[in-house]
Amino acid sequence: MRQGGRDLVHTRLLARFAGSLAGTCSRAGFVRLVTELPRRVLDVPAVGVLLVDHDGMVVTGGAPDGERFAGLFARQARSGPVSECYRAGSPVVLSYEGALEQGLADLAAEMSRAEVTAVDAAPLRVHQVTIGALAVYLDATPTPSYRRLSQLVQVVAGLGLTAYELRHDLCSATDTIEELAAAIAQRAAIEQATGVMAERWQVTIGDAASMLRECAQARRVPLHELAAQVVAGRNDLFD
C-alpha cells in the first residue's frame, strides 16, 4: 500500500478512535481503548497508560494483555519515564541503556524480559492540565512515519480524554442533582404526612413525627415510603 493509502487508513482509524474514547462509559474501558488502537496504528509491541483522577487515584494499564508486558504496565506509576513524563508534563524517551545508567535496574530487567528497547512517553492533558501519560514500548528504532503518527495519536488521545472527562463530570453532576431531588421529595413526603397525621388525630407536629418514625421502625419500612403511603391515603397507620 502506498504511503498516502496508509495515512488514509490511519486517519479513519483515529477518527473512530476519538469517537470511541468520547463515548466510553468507564475508566477501564477508556484505558483499554486508549492503548489498544494506538498499538495497532503505530505497529508497536505495546502501549501503556497512566492516569490520575480528580481524587489523586492512579490508574495504570496497557495493551496487549498477557504476561510479556504485565511487569512494565504494573510499574508505570513508579520511578521511570512514564511517571516522569506525567510529573514534568513533557515527553520522555528512555532506552534500555538509559535505564541502566539511571539506576533503574528493575525497569531495565522488565524491558529485557519483554524485549523492549525503549519507552516513549507523552503527556495526556485535559484543559492544559496534565493528568496522565501515554507510553509506547518500542522494539526497534522509530521511523519518520512512527514519529508523525505518534504525534497524531497523542493529540487524538488528548481530545478523547477531554471528551471523556467532560462526559464523566456531566454524568456525575446529573447523578448529584437526581439524588438531591429524590432527597427533597422524600423529605417533603415526610413533612406532609406529619401534617396530615397531626390534623387527623389532633396532636402536635412533634407527636405526629414521633408516631410516624415509630411505626416505620416497627414495620421495617423506610420512613419516606410510609410517609408517601399516608399522604396517598393508602395507610392510616392503624389498619
Protein backbone atom coordinates (compact mmCIF):
# COMPACT_ATOMS: atom_id res chain seq x y z
CA MET A 1 0.00 0.00 0.00
CA ARG A 2 1.30 3.45 -0.84
CA GLN A 3 2.08 5.94 1.94
CA GLY A 4 -0.99 8.05 1.12
CA GLY A 5 -3.23 4.99 1.36
CA ARG A 6 -1.75 4.00 4.72
CA ASP A 7 -2.22 7.52 6.04
CA LEU A 8 -5.87 7.47 4.95
CA VAL A 9 -6.46 4.18 6.76
CA HIS A 10 -4.77 5.56 9.88
CA THR A 11 -6.81 8.76 9.70
CA ARG A 12 -10.04 6.77 9.56
CA LEU A 13 -8.93 4.58 12.45
CA LEU A 14 -8.00 7.61 14.53
CA ALA A 15 -11.36 9.26 13.81
CA ARG A 16 -13.13 6.15 15.12
CA PHE A 17 -10.65 6.08 17.99
CA ALA A 18 -11.59 9.61 19.11
CA GLY A 19 -15.31 8.83 18.91
CA SER A 20 -14.92 5.61 20.87
CA LEU A 21 -12.90 7.33 23.60
CA ALA A 22 -15.51 10.07 23.97
CA GLY A 23 -18.32 7.53 24.19
CA THR A 24 -16.80 5.07 26.66
CA CYS A 25 -18.63 4.82 29.98
CA SER A 26 -15.90 3.57 32.31
CA ARG A 27 -12.31 4.30 33.19
CA ALA A 28 -11.42 0.66 32.49
CA GLY A 29 -12.98 0.93 29.05
CA PHE A 30 -11.06 4.13 28.38
CA VAL A 31 -7.77 2.51 29.39
CA ARG A 32 -8.41 -0.42 27.05
CA LEU A 33 -9.29 1.82 24.09
CA VAL A 34 -6.53 4.38 24.60
CA THR A 35 -3.89 1.66 24.49
CA GLU A 36 -5.17 -0.97 22.05
CA LEU A 37 -5.86 1.15 18.97
CA PRO A 38 -2.66 3.24 19.15
CA ARG A 39 -0.76 -0.06 19.37
CA ARG A 40 -2.33 -1.12 16.08
CA VAL A 41 -1.91 2.25 14.36
CA LEU A 42 1.71 2.65 15.41
CA ASP A 43 2.51 -1.04 14.83
CA VAL A 44 4.42 -1.35 18.10
CA PRO A 45 4.69 -4.22 20.61
CA ALA A 46 2.77 -2.48 23.40
CA VAL A 47 1.21 0.77 24.60
CA GLY A 48 0.60 1.64 28.23
CA VAL A 49 -1.13 4.47 30.03
CA LEU A 50 -1.00 6.19 33.41
CA LEU A 51 -3.96 8.33 34.51
CA VAL A 52 -4.52 10.33 37.70
CA ASP A 53 -8.14 11.22 38.53
CA HIS A 54 -9.58 14.19 40.43
CA ASP A 55 -9.06 12.44 43.78
CA GLY A 56 -5.43 11.60 43.06
CA MET A 57 -6.13 7.92 42.37
CA VAL A 58 -3.60 6.47 39.93
CA VAL A 59 -4.78 4.08 37.23
CA THR A 60 -2.38 2.16 35.00
CA GLY A 61 -2.93 -0.32 32.21
CA GLY A 62 -1.89 -1.29 28.75
CA ALA A 63 -2.28 -3.45 25.69
CA PRO A 64 -1.88 -6.21 24.83
CA ASP A 65 -2.94 -8.43 27.73
CA GLY A 66 -0.67 -11.23 28.84
CA GLU A 67 2.46 -11.83 30.86
CA ARG A 68 5.01 -10.34 28.46
CA PHE A 69 4.29 -6.68 29.26
CA ALA A 70 2.46 -7.05 32.60
CA GLY A 71 5.53 -6.05 34.61
CA LEU A 72 6.10 -2.91 32.55
CA PHE A 73 2.46 -1.85 32.83
CA ALA A 74 2.41 -2.51 36.58
CA ARG A 75 5.39 -0.24 37.31
CA GLN A 76 4.29 2.75 35.21
CA ALA A 77 3.43 4.75 38.34
CA ARG A 78 6.85 4.09 39.86
CA SER A 79 10.06 5.99 39.17
CA GLY A 80 10.76 5.91 35.47
CA PRO A 81 9.92 7.55 32.14
CA VAL A 82 6.12 7.29 32.41
CA SER A 83 5.76 8.85 35.85
CA GLU A 84 8.45 11.41 34.98
CA CYS A 85 6.51 12.37 31.85
CA TYR A 86 3.36 12.85 33.94
CA ARG A 87 5.10 14.93 36.61
CA ALA A 88 7.06 17.10 34.15
CA GLY A 89 4.24 17.40 31.63
CA SER A 90 6.68 16.84 28.77
CA PRO A 91 7.74 13.89 26.57
CA VAL A 92 10.32 11.46 27.93
CA VAL A 93 12.21 8.82 25.95
CA LEU A 94 14.29 6.26 27.80
CA SER A 95 16.30 3.44 26.24
CA TYR A 96 17.31 0.19 27.88
CA GLU A 97 20.85 1.52 28.25
CA GLY A 98 19.48 4.76 29.72
CA ALA A 99 17.52 2.81 32.33
CA LEU A 100 20.72 1.07 33.41
CA GLU A 101 22.63 4.36 33.53
CA GLN A 102 19.92 5.94 35.70
CA GLY A 103 19.99 3.07 38.16
CA LEU A 104 16.56 1.75 37.16
CA ALA A 105 17.67 -1.86 37.25
CA ASP A 106 14.17 -3.24 37.78
CA LEU A 107 12.85 -1.31 34.78
CA ALA A 108 15.78 -2.47 32.66
CA ALA A 109 15.08 -6.05 33.71
CA GLU A 110 11.41 -5.75 32.71
CA MET A 111 12.40 -4.18 29.38
CA SER A 112 14.81 -7.02 28.70
CA ARG A 113 12.20 -9.62 29.65
CA ALA A 114 9.65 -8.01 27.31
CA GLU A 115 12.23 -7.48 24.55
CA VAL A 116 11.65 -3.72 24.64
CA THR A 117 14.49 -1.40 23.63
CA ALA A 118 12.95 1.96 24.59
CA VAL A 119 9.97 3.66 26.23
CA ASP A 120 8.50 6.71 24.50
CA ALA A 121 6.15 8.56 26.89
CA ALA A 122 3.98 11.56 26.00
CA PRO A 123 1.76 13.61 28.36
CA LEU A 124 -2.04 13.45 28.25
CA ARG A 125 -3.77 16.73 29.02
CA VAL A 126 -7.29 17.98 29.75
CA HIS A 127 -7.77 21.75 29.54
CA GLN A 128 -3.98 22.24 29.50
CA VAL A 129 -3.59 20.24 32.73
CA THR A 130 -1.51 17.06 32.56
CA ILE A 131 -3.48 14.17 34.05
CA GLY A 132 -1.53 11.24 32.70
CA ALA A 133 0.90 9.84 30.17
CA LEU A 134 0.71 7.53 27.17
CA ALA A 135 3.69 5.18 26.91
CA VAL A 136 4.77 3.44 23.72
CA TYR A 137 7.05 0.43 24.17
CA LEU A 138 9.42 0.05 21.22
CA ASP A 139 11.50 -2.85 19.96
CA ALA A 140 13.12 -1.05 17.02
CA THR A 141 14.44 2.36 16.02
CA PRO A 142 11.49 4.74 15.42
CA THR A 143 10.81 5.59 11.76
CA PRO A 144 9.71 9.01 10.43
CA SER A 145 6.25 7.52 9.88
CA TYR A 146 6.10 6.46 13.52
CA ARG A 147 7.10 9.95 14.67
CA ARG A 148 4.39 11.56 12.57
CA LEU A 149 1.68 9.14 13.64
CA SER A 150 2.68 9.16 17.31
CA GLN A 151 2.13 12.91 17.48
CA LEU A 152 -1.30 12.49 15.89
CA VAL A 153 -2.17 9.65 18.27
CA GLN A 154 -1.20 11.83 21.24
CA VAL A 155 -3.43 14.67 20.04
CA VAL A 156 -6.39 12.37 19.38
CA ALA A 157 -5.95 10.62 22.73
CA GLY A 158 -5.92 14.01 24.47
CA LEU A 159 -9.10 15.07 22.68
CA GLY A 160 -10.78 11.79 23.56
CA LEU A 161 -9.70 12.10 27.18
CA THR A 162 -11.09 15.64 27.36
CA ALA A 163 -14.43 14.46 25.96
CA TYR A 164 -14.47 11.51 28.35
CA GLU A 165 -13.78 13.71 31.38
CA LEU A 166 -16.45 16.22 30.35
CA ARG A 167 -18.96 13.41 29.87
CA HIS A 168 -17.99 11.87 33.21
CA ASP A 169 -18.33 15.22 35.02
CA LEU A 170 -21.72 15.80 33.42
CA CYS A 171 -22.92 12.35 34.44
CA SER A 172 -21.68 12.92 37.98
CA ALA A 173 -23.42 16.29 38.14
CA THR A 174 -26.63 14.74 36.81
CA ASP A 175 -26.44 11.96 39.40
CA THR A 176 -25.93 14.54 42.17
CA ILE A 177 -28.90 16.60 41.02
CA GLU A 178 -31.09 13.50 40.80
CA GLU A 179 -30.03 12.37 44.27
CA LEU A 180 -30.74 15.82 45.69
CA ALA A 181 -34.16 15.95 44.02
CA ALA A 182 -35.01 12.50 45.41
CA ALA A 183 -33.92 13.52 48.92
CA ILE A 184 -36.04 16.68 48.74
CA ALA A 185 -39.07 14.69 47.54
CA GLN A 186 -38.64 12.19 50.36
CA ARG A 187 -38.36 14.93 52.96
CA ALA A 188 -41.41 16.69 51.56
CA ALA A 189 -43.45 13.47 51.82
CA ILE A 190 -42.41 13.04 55.46
CA GLU A 191 -43.34 16.63 56.33
CA GLN A 192 -46.67 16.33 54.50
CA ALA A 193 -47.52 13.02 56.19
CA THR A 194 -46.70 14.51 59.59
CA GLY A 195 -49.08 17.38 58.92
CA VAL A 196 -51.84 15.02 57.78
CA MET A 197 -51.47 12.89 60.91
CA ALA A 198 -51.37 15.89 63.25
CA GLU A 199 -54.59 17.24 61.76
CA ARG A 200 -56.34 13.86 61.66
CA TRP A 201 -55.58 12.92 65.25
CA GLN A 202 -55.40 16.41 66.70
CA VAL A 203 -51.87 16.04 68.03
CA THR A 204 -48.80 18.23 67.79
CA ILE A 205 -46.43 18.06 64.83
CA GLY A 206 -43.75 16.65 67.14
CA ASP A 207 -46.03 13.87 68.36
CA ALA A 208 -47.12 13.06 64.81
CA ALA A 209 -43.48 12.86 63.67
CA SER A 210 -42.65 10.50 66.54
CA MET A 211 -45.62 8.27 65.70
CA LEU A 212 -44.58 8.10 62.07
CA ARG A 213 -40.99 7.16 62.94
CA GLU A 214 -42.05 4.52 65.47
CA CYS A 215 -44.47 2.96 63.02
CA ALA A 216 -41.86 2.87 60.25
CA GLN A 217 -39.37 1.18 62.58
CA ALA A 218 -41.94 -1.35 63.79
CA ARG A 219 -42.93 -2.27 60.23
CA ARG A 220 -39.35 -2.10 58.96
CA VAL A 221 -40.38 0.24 56.19
CA PRO A 222 -38.31 3.24 55.04
CA LEU A 223 -39.71 6.39 56.64
CA HIS A 224 -40.25 8.18 53.33
CA GLU A 225 -42.12 5.19 51.85
CA LEU A 226 -44.53 5.00 54.78
CA ALA A 227 -44.99 8.78 54.60
CA ALA A 228 -45.88 8.54 50.91
CA GLN A 229 -48.49 5.88 51.72
CA VAL A 230 -50.04 8.11 54.39
CA VAL A 231 -50.18 11.10 52.03
CA ALA A 232 -51.78 8.95 49.30
CA GLY A 233 -54.39 7.65 51.76
CA ARG A 234 -53.21 4.05 51.43
CA ASN A 235 -52.20 3.74 55.08
CA ASP A 236 -53.59 5.39 58.22
CA LEU A 237 -51.03 3.51 60.38
CA PHE A 238 -53.62 1.67 62.44
CA ASP A 239 -55.25 -0.57 59.85
